[in-house]
Amino acid sequence: EEAFHDSEKLDLHYVISCLMLTNCNACGQIIEVSALNAHLLKECVKKEDYKQCKRCKESISAEIYDEHTSALACAPWKPAS
């Protein structure tokens, strides 16, 4: 277990090894992994480059959106039960 008694160690943890955080590949912002999809669709400065698949509800690059949706290879979205 790492101790985060100073902010420098905590910042290094966030940037290097925290499994709960990731960099947005579109804008570089560090965000929670669980919020990445919503970030790309609603908050990202590059949100115009992404569309939501109606089938799986994931954010898909606009460049490959037509290919993604026509392939029907993604898992259909199911609400949490």
PDB file of N, CA and C in Angstrom:
ATOM      1  N   GLU A   1       0.847  -1.186   0.000  1.00  0.00           N
ATOM      2  CA  GLU A   1       0.000   0.000   0.000  1.00  0.00           C
ATOM      3  C   GLU A   1       0.881   1.234   0.000  1.00  0.00           C
ATOM      4  N   GLU A   2       0.595   2.138  -0.932  1.00  0.00           N
ATOM      5  CA  GLU A   2       1.342   3.385  -1.007  1.00  0.00           C
ATOM      6  C   GLU A   2       0.704   4.411  -0.096  1.00  0.00           C
ATOM      7  N   ALA A   3       1.541   5.213   0.530  1.00  0.00           N
ATOM      8  CA  ALA A   3       1.034   6.309   1.357  1.00  0.00           C
ATOM      9  C   ALA A   3       1.144   7.596   0.550  1.00  0.00           C
ATOM     10  N   PHE A   4       0.104   8.384   0.564  1.00  0.00           N
ATOM     11  CA  PHE A   4       0.080   9.629  -0.200  1.00  0.00           C
ATOM     12  C   PHE A   4       0.065  10.817   0.757  1.00  0.00           C
ATOM     13  N   HIS A   5       1.170  10.972   1.470  1.00  0.00           N
ATOM     14  CA  HIS A   5       1.246  12.047   2.447  1.00  0.00           C
ATOM     15  C   HIS A   5       1.593  13.374   1.803  1.00  0.00           C
ATOM     16  N   ASP A   6       2.104  13.350   0.601  1.00  0.00           N
ATOM     17  CA  ASP A   6       2.348  14.632  -0.064  1.00  0.00           C
ATOM     18  C   ASP A   6       1.691  14.618  -1.435  1.00  0.00           C
ATOM     19  N   SER A   7       1.341  15.796  -1.888  1.00  0.00           N
ATOM     20  CA  SER A   7       0.560  15.900  -3.130  1.00  0.00           C
ATOM     21  C   SER A   7       1.346  15.438  -4.347  1.00  0.00           C
ATOM     22  N   GLU A   8       2.660  15.530  -4.314  1.00  0.00           N
ATOM     23  CA  GLU A   8       3.458  15.085  -5.453  1.00  0.00           C
ATOM     24  C   GLU A   8       3.312  13.587  -5.681  1.00  0.00           C
ATOM     25  N   LYS A   9       3.373  12.798  -4.602  1.00  0.00           N
ATOM     26  CA  LYS A   9       3.196  11.353  -4.730  1.00  0.00           C
ATOM     27  C   LYS A   9       1.788  11.012  -5.200  1.00  0.00           C
ATOM     28  N   LEU A  10       0.806  11.742  -4.712  1.00  0.00           N
ATOM     29  CA  LEU A  10      -0.571  11.507  -5.129  1.00  0.00           C
ATOM     30  C   LEU A  10      -0.741  11.824  -6.608  1.00  0.00           C
ATOM     31  N   ASP A  11      -0.180  12.937  -7.057  1.00  0.00           N
ATOM     32  CA  ASP A  11      -0.254  13.305  -8.476  1.00  0.00           C
ATOM     33  C   ASP A  11       0.410  12.243  -9.355  1.00  0.00           C
ATOM     34  N   LEU A  12       1.565  11.734  -8.930  1.00  0.00           N
ATOM     35  CA  LEU A  12       2.243  10.676  -9.693  1.00  0.00           C
ATOM     36  C   LEU A  12       1.380   9.428  -9.763  1.00  0.00           C
ATOM     37  N   HIS A  13       0.742   9.086  -8.663  1.00  0.00           N
ATOM     38  CA  HIS A  13      -0.159   7.931  -8.661  1.00  0.00           C
ATOM     39  C   HIS A  13      -1.278   8.132  -9.675  1.00  0.00           C
ATOM     40  N   TYR A  14      -1.921   9.305  -9.652  1.00  0.00           N
ATOM     41  CA  TYR A  14      -3.024   9.587 -10.571  1.00  0.00           C
ATOM     42  C   TYR A  14      -2.581   9.447 -12.027  1.00  0.00           C
ATOM     43  N   VAL A  15      -1.421   9.989 -12.354  1.00  0.00           N
ATOM     44  CA  VAL A  15      -0.961  10.033 -13.739  1.00  0.00           C
ATOM     45  C   VAL A  15      -0.390   8.699 -14.209  1.00  0.00           C
ATOM     46  N   ILE A  16       0.298   7.977 -13.340  1.00  0.00           N
ATOM     47  CA  ILE A  16       1.042   6.794 -13.771  1.00  0.00           C
ATOM     48  C   ILE A  16       0.338   5.471 -13.488  1.00  0.00           C
ATOM     49  N   SER A  17      -0.211   5.300 -12.298  1.00  0.00           N
ATOM     50  CA  SER A  17      -0.635   3.951 -11.940  1.00  0.00           C
ATOM     51  C   SER A  17      -2.080   3.789 -11.488  1.00  0.00           C
ATOM     52  N   CYS A  18      -2.840   4.839 -11.418  1.00  0.00           N
ATOM     53  CA  CYS A  18      -4.216   4.702 -10.936  1.00  0.00           C
ATOM     54  C   CYS A  18      -5.079   4.015 -11.998  1.00  0.00           C
ATOM     55  N   LEU A  19      -5.659   2.886 -11.640  1.00  0.00           N
ATOM     56  CA  LEU A  19      -6.488   2.124 -12.576  1.00  0.00           C
ATOM     57  C   LEU A  19      -7.880   2.729 -12.742  1.00  0.00           C
ATOM     58  N   MET A  20      -8.210   3.691 -11.916  1.00  0.00           N
ATOM     59  CA  MET A  20      -9.534   4.333 -11.987  1.00  0.00           C
ATOM     60  C   MET A  20      -9.541   5.511 -12.958  1.00  0.00           C
ATOM     61  N   LEU A  21      -8.353   5.957 -13.398  1.00  0.00           N
ATOM     62  CA  LEU A  21      -8.230   7.118 -14.262  1.00  0.00           C
ATOM     63  C   LEU A  21      -7.586   6.742 -15.582  1.00  0.00           C
ATOM     64  N   THR A  22      -7.918   7.525 -16.605  1.00  0.00           N
ATOM     65  CA  THR A  22      -7.324   7.335 -17.922  1.00  0.00           C
ATOM     66  C   THR A  22      -7.219   8.683 -18.612  1.00  0.00           C
ATOM     67  N   ASN A  23      -6.396   8.747 -19.636  1.00  0.00           N
ATOM     68  CA  ASN A  23      -6.324   9.949 -20.460  1.00  0.00           C
ATOM     69  C   ASN A  23      -7.327   9.818 -21.592  1.00  0.00           C
ATOM     70  N   CYS A  24      -8.031  10.870 -21.864  1.00  0.00           N
ATOM     71  CA  CYS A  24      -8.886  10.907 -23.044  1.00  0.00           C
ATOM     72  C   CYS A  24      -7.960  11.006 -24.249  1.00  0.00           C
ATOM     73  N   ASN A  25      -8.059  10.062 -25.168  1.00  0.00           N
ATOM     74  CA  ASN A  25      -7.202  10.087 -26.361  1.00  0.00           C
ATOM     75  C   ASN A  25      -7.501  11.273 -27.262  1.00  0.00           C
ATOM     76  N   ALA A  26      -8.687  11.832 -27.148  1.00  0.00           N
ATOM     77  CA  ALA A  26      -9.065  12.952 -28.005  1.00  0.00           C
ATOM     78  C   ALA A  26      -8.499  14.278 -27.511  1.00  0.00           C
ATOM     79  N   CYS A  27      -8.585  14.532 -26.195  1.00  0.00           N
ATOM     80  CA  CYS A  27      -8.174  15.839 -25.672  1.00  0.00           C
ATOM     81  C   CYS A  27      -7.047  15.784 -24.658  1.00  0.00           C
ATOM     82  N   GLY A  28      -6.724  14.594 -24.141  1.00  0.00           N
ATOM     83  CA  GLY A  28      -5.638  14.449 -23.188  1.00  0.00           C
ATOM     84  C   GLY A  28      -6.019  14.656 -21.736  1.00  0.00           C
ATOM     85  N   GLN A  29      -7.257  15.043 -21.480  1.00  0.00           N
ATOM     86  CA  GLN A  29      -7.699  15.268 -20.100  1.00  0.00           C
ATOM     87  C   GLN A  29      -7.711  13.950 -19.334  1.00  0.00           C
ATOM     88  N   ILE A  30      -7.326  13.993 -18.068  1.00  0.00           N
ATOM     89  CA  ILE A  30      -7.372  12.814 -17.211  1.00  0.00           C
ATOM     90  C   ILE A  30      -8.761  12.739 -16.594  1.00  0.00           C
ATOM     91  N   ILE A  31      -9.432  11.597 -16.813  1.00  0.00           N
ATOM     92  CA  ILE A  31     -10.794  11.427 -16.325  1.00  0.00           C
ATOM     93  C   ILE A  31     -10.975  10.020 -15.766  1.00  0.00           C
ATOM     94  N   GLU A  32     -12.075   9.812 -15.065  1.00  0.00           N
ATOM     95  CA  GLU A  32     -12.386   8.478 -14.556  1.00  0.00           C
ATOM     96  C   GLU A  32     -12.731   7.565 -15.734  1.00  0.00           C
ATOM     97  N   VAL A  33     -12.255   6.340 -15.669  1.00  0.00           N
ATOM     98  CA  VAL A  33     -12.526   5.360 -16.722  1.00  0.00           C
ATOM     99  C   VAL A  33     -14.033   5.210 -16.921  1.00  0.00           C
ATOM    100  N   SER A  34     -14.775   5.155 -15.824  1.00  0.00           N
ATOM    101  CA  SER A  34     -16.221   4.954 -15.909  1.00  0.00           C
ATOM    102  C   SER A  34     -16.949   6.122 -16.572  1.00  0.00           C
ATOM    103  N   ALA A  35     -16.299   7.267 -16.689  1.00  0.00           N
ATOM    104  CA  ALA A  35     -16.929   8.443 -17.280  1.00  0.00           C
ATOM    105  C   ALA A  35     -16.448   8.730 -18.701  1.00  0.00           C
ATOM    106  N   LEU A  36     -15.577   7.884 -19.231  1.00  0.00           N
ATOM    107  CA  LEU A  36     -14.981   8.149 -20.550  1.00  0.00           C
ATOM    108  C   LEU A  36     -16.022   8.265 -21.653  1.00  0.00           C
ATOM    109  N   ASN A  37     -16.964   7.354 -21.705  1.00  0.00           N
ATOM    110  CA  ASN A  37     -17.971   7.374 -22.757  1.00  0.00           C
ATOM    111  C   ASN A  37     -18.761   8.690 -22.726  1.00  0.00           C
ATOM    112  N   ALA A  38     -19.253   9.065 -21.559  1.00  0.00           N
ATOM    113  CA  ALA A  38     -20.012  10.316 -21.426  1.00  0.00           C
ATOM    114  C   ALA A  38     -19.138  11.523 -21.734  1.00  0.00           C
ATOM    115  N   HIS A  39     -17.891  11.485 -21.310  1.00  0.00           N
ATOM    116  CA  HIS A  39     -16.958  12.582 -21.588  1.00  0.00           C
ATOM    117  C   HIS A  39     -16.835  12.805 -23.094  1.00  0.00           C
ATOM    118  N   LEU A  40     -16.588  11.722 -23.840  1.00  0.00           N
ATOM    119  CA  LEU A  40     -16.399  11.841 -25.288  1.00  0.00           C
ATOM    120  C   LEU A  40     -17.644  12.364 -25.994  1.00  0.00           C
ATOM    121  N   LEU A  41     -18.807  12.041 -25.476  1.00  0.00           N
ATOM    122  CA  LEU A  41     -20.056  12.439 -26.125  1.00  0.00           C
ATOM    123  C   LEU A  41     -20.563  13.810 -25.693  1.00  0.00           C
ATOM    124  N   LYS A  42     -20.224  14.256 -24.475  1.00  0.00           N
ATOM    125  CA  LYS A  42     -20.847  15.471 -23.950  1.00  0.00           C
ATOM    126  C   LYS A  42     -19.888  16.566 -23.506  1.00  0.00           C
ATOM    127  N   GLU A  43     -18.687  16.218 -23.037  1.00  0.00           N
ATOM    128  CA  GLU A  43     -17.826  17.205 -22.396  1.00  0.00           C
ATOM    129  C   GLU A  43     -16.534  17.507 -23.152  1.00  0.00           C
ATOM    130  N   CYS A  44     -16.052  16.564 -23.895  1.00  0.00           N
ATOM    131  CA  CYS A  44     -14.757  16.681 -24.557  1.00  0.00           C
ATOM    132  C   CYS A  44     -14.760  17.834 -25.566  1.00  0.00           C
ATOM    133  N   VAL A  45     -13.633  18.538 -25.650  1.00  0.00           N
ATOM    134  CA  VAL A  45     -13.534  19.609 -26.638  1.00  0.00           C
ATOM    135  C   VAL A  45     -13.577  19.049 -28.065  1.00  0.00           C
ATOM    136  N   LYS A  46     -13.381  17.764 -28.201  1.00  0.00           N
ATOM    137  CA  LYS A  46     -13.442  17.089 -29.511  1.00  0.00           C
ATOM    138  C   LYS A  46     -14.717  16.251 -29.656  1.00  0.00           C
ATOM    139  N   LYS A  47     -15.757  16.572 -28.890  1.00  0.00           N
ATOM    140  CA  LYS A  47     -16.972  15.757 -28.892  1.00  0.00           C
ATOM    141  C   LYS A  47     -17.634  15.676 -30.270  1.00  0.00           C
ATOM    142  N   GLU A  48     -17.397  16.646 -31.119  1.00  0.00           N
ATOM    143  CA  GLU A  48     -17.969  16.593 -32.464  1.00  0.00           C
ATOM    144  C   GLU A  48     -17.363  15.473 -33.305  1.00  0.00           C
ATOM    145  N   ASP A  49     -16.258  14.914 -32.845  1.00  0.00           N
ATOM    146  CA  ASP A  49     -15.599  13.815 -33.549  1.00  0.00           C
ATOM    147  C   ASP A  49     -16.145  12.445 -33.156  1.00  0.00           C
ATOM    148  N   TYR A  50     -17.168  12.412 -32.281  1.00  0.00           N
ATOM    149  CA  TYR A  50     -17.713  11.152 -31.775  1.00  0.00           C
ATOM    150  C   TYR A  50     -19.236  11.116 -31.899  1.00  0.00           C
ATOM    151  N   LYS A  51     -19.748   9.923 -32.112  1.00  0.00           N
ATOM    152  CA  LYS A  51     -21.194   9.686 -32.151  1.00  0.00           C
ATOM    153  C   LYS A  51     -21.492   8.492 -31.260  1.00  0.00           C
ATOM    154  N   GLN A  52     -22.708   8.437 -30.743  1.00  0.00           N
ATOM    155  CA  GLN A  52     -23.099   7.307 -29.904  1.00  0.00           C
ATOM    156  C   GLN A  52     -23.778   6.245 -30.762  1.00  0.00           C
ATOM    157  N   CYS A  53     -23.284   5.026 -30.660  1.00  0.00           N
ATOM    158  CA  CYS A  53     -23.901   3.904 -31.358  1.00  0.00           C
ATOM    159  C   CYS A  53     -25.266   3.634 -30.720  1.00  0.00           C
ATOM    160  N   LYS A  54     -26.284   3.543 -31.537  1.00  0.00           N
ATOM    161  CA  LYS A  54     -27.631   3.287 -31.020  1.00  0.00           C
ATOM    162  C   LYS A  54     -27.769   1.868 -30.487  1.00  0.00           C
ATOM    163  N   ARG A  55     -26.916   0.974 -30.940  1.00  0.00           N
ATOM    164  CA  ARG A  55     -26.989  -0.429 -30.521  1.00  0.00           C
ATOM    165  C   ARG A  55     -26.254  -0.678 -29.198  1.00  0.00           C
ATOM    166  N   CYS A  56     -24.995  -0.270 -29.098  1.00  0.00           N
ATOM    167  CA  CYS A  56     -24.196  -0.555 -27.894  1.00  0.00           C
ATOM    168  C   CYS A  56     -24.069   0.637 -26.953  1.00  0.00           C
ATOM    169  N   LYS A  57     -24.469   1.811 -27.413  1.00  0.00           N
ATOM    170  CA  LYS A  57     -24.434   3.059 -26.629  1.00  0.00           C
ATOM    171  C   LYS A  57     -23.019   3.574 -26.361  1.00  0.00           C
ATOM    172  N   GLU A  58     -22.007   3.017 -27.030  1.00  0.00           N
ATOM    173  CA  GLU A  58     -20.631   3.467 -26.843  1.00  0.00           C
ATOM    174  C   GLU A  58     -20.333   4.649 -27.762  1.00  0.00           C
ATOM    175  N   SER A  59     -19.343   5.449 -27.354  1.00  0.00           N
ATOM    176  CA  SER A  59     -18.887   6.552 -28.195  1.00  0.00           C
ATOM    177  C   SER A  59     -17.984   5.969 -29.276  1.00  0.00           C
ATOM    178  N   ILE A  60     -18.285   6.316 -30.508  1.00  0.00           N
ATOM    179  CA  ILE A  60     -17.564   5.783 -31.657  1.00  0.00           C
ATOM    180  C   ILE A  60     -17.019   6.958 -32.459  1.00  0.00           C
ATOM    181  N   SER A  61     -15.785   6.845 -32.887  1.00  0.00           N
ATOM    182  CA  SER A  61     -15.208   7.889 -33.722  1.00  0.00           C
ATOM    183  C   SER A  61     -16.092   8.091 -34.948  1.00  0.00           C
ATOM    184  N   ALA A  62     -16.372   9.341 -35.275  1.00  0.00           N
ATOM    185  CA  ALA A  62     -17.215   9.643 -36.429  1.00  0.00           C
ATOM    186  C   ALA A  62     -16.618   9.074 -37.717  1.00  0.00           C
ATOM    187  N   GLU A  63     -15.291   8.937 -37.754  1.00  0.00           N
ATOM    188  CA  GLU A  63     -14.619   8.403 -38.938  1.00  0.00           C
ATOM    189  C   GLU A  63     -15.006   6.956 -39.221  1.00  0.00           C
ATOM    190  N   ILE A  64     -15.308   6.183 -38.194  1.00  0.00           N
ATOM    191  CA  ILE A  64     -15.629   4.763 -38.398  1.00  0.00           C
ATOM    192  C   ILE A  64     -17.062   4.429 -37.975  1.00  0.00           C
ATOM    193  N   TYR A  65     -17.850   5.450 -37.693  1.00  0.00           N
ATOM    194  CA  TYR A  65     -19.208   5.229 -37.186  1.00  0.00           C
ATOM    195  C   TYR A  65     -20.050   4.386 -38.148  1.00  0.00           C
ATOM    196  N   ASP A  66     -20.066   4.729 -39.424  1.00  0.00           N
ATOM    197  CA  ASP A  66     -20.881   3.978 -40.394  1.00  0.00           C
ATOM    198  C   ASP A  66     -20.437   2.521 -40.475  1.00  0.00           C
ATOM    199  N   GLU A  67     -19.138   2.297 -40.478  1.00  0.00           N
ATOM    200  CA  GLU A  67     -18.610   0.931 -40.511  1.00  0.00           C
ATOM    201  C   GLU A  67     -19.012   0.174 -39.243  1.00  0.00           C
ATOM    202  N   HIS A  68     -18.892   0.839 -38.089  1.00  0.00           N
ATOM    203  CA  HIS A  68     -19.242   0.221 -36.810  1.00  0.00           C
ATOM    204  C   HIS A  68     -20.722  -0.170 -36.782  1.00  0.00           C
ATOM    205  N   THR A  69     -21.586   0.741 -37.164  1.00  0.00           N
ATOM    206  CA  THR A  69     -23.021   0.468 -37.056  1.00  0.00           C
ATOM    207  C   THR A  69     -23.505  -0.537 -38.102  1.00  0.00           C
ATOM    208  N   SER A  70     -22.912  -0.530 -39.271  1.00  0.00           N
ATOM    209  CA  SER A  70     -23.355  -1.477 -40.296  1.00  0.00           C
ATOM    210  C   SER A  70     -22.859  -2.899 -40.029  1.00  0.00           C
ATOM    211  N   ALA A  71     -21.769  -3.046 -39.297  1.00  0.00           N
ATOM    212  CA  ALA A  71     -21.217  -4.372 -39.006  1.00  0.00           C
ATOM    213  C   ALA A  71     -22.083  -5.155 -38.016  1.00  0.00           C
ATOM    214  N   LEU A  72     -22.811  -4.464 -37.165  1.00  0.00           N
ATOM    215  CA  LEU A  72     -23.640  -5.103 -36.125  1.00  0.00           C
ATOM    216  C   LEU A  72     -22.845  -6.108 -35.292  1.00  0.00           C
ATOM    217  N   ALA A  73     -21.559  -5.803 -35.069  1.00  0.00           N
ATOM    218  CA  ALA A  73     -20.693  -6.706 -34.319  1.00  0.00           C
ATOM    219  C   ALA A  73     -20.620  -6.354 -32.837  1.00  0.00           C
ATOM    220  N   CYS A  74     -21.117  -5.181 -32.471  1.00  0.00           N
ATOM    221  CA  CYS A  74     -21.039  -4.768 -31.066  1.00  0.00           C
ATOM    222  C   CYS A  74     -22.156  -5.451 -30.256  1.00  0.00           C
ATOM    223  N   ALA A  75     -21.909  -5.558 -28.976  1.00  0.00           N
ATOM    224  CA  ALA A  75     -22.900  -6.166 -28.073  1.00  0.00           C
ATOM    225  C   ALA A  75     -24.032  -5.172 -27.810  1.00  0.00           C
ATOM    226  N   PRO A  76     -25.276  -5.583 -27.982  1.00  0.00           N
ATOM    227  CA  PRO A  76     -26.382  -4.668 -27.699  1.00  0.00           C
ATOM    228  C   PRO A  76     -26.366  -4.223 -26.237  1.00  0.00           C
ATOM    229  N   TRP A  77     -26.653  -2.951 -26.026  1.00  0.00           N
ATOM    230  CA  TRP A  77     -26.686  -2.377 -24.689  1.00  0.00           C
ATOM    231  C   TRP A  77     -27.824  -2.980 -23.883  1.00  0.00           C
ATOM    232  N   LYS A  78     -27.533  -3.267 -22.624  1.00  0.00           N
ATOM    233  CA  LYS A  78     -28.547  -3.765 -21.711  1.00  0.00           C
ATOM    234  C   LYS A  78     -28.494  -2.915 -20.459  1.00  0.00           C
ATOM    235  N   PRO A  79     -29.632  -2.489 -19.955  1.00  0.00           N
ATOM    236  CA  PRO A  79     -29.611  -1.685 -18.724  1.00  0.00           C
ATOM    237  C   PRO A  79     -29.132  -2.531 -17.544  1.00  0.00           C
ATOM    238  N   ALA A  80     -28.481  -1.862 -16.603  1.00  0.00           N
ATOM    239  CA  ALA A  80     -28.023  -2.563 -15.392  1.00  0.00           C
ATOM    240  C   ALA A  80     -29.233  -3.049 -14.627  1.00  0.00           C
ATOM    241  N   SER A  81     -29.144  -4.261 -14.132  1.00  0.00           N
ATOM    242  CA  SER A  81     -30.292  -4.789 -13.390  1.00  0.00           C
ATOM    243  C   SER A  81     -29.938  -5.042 -11.944  1.00  0.00           C
TER     244      SER A  81
END
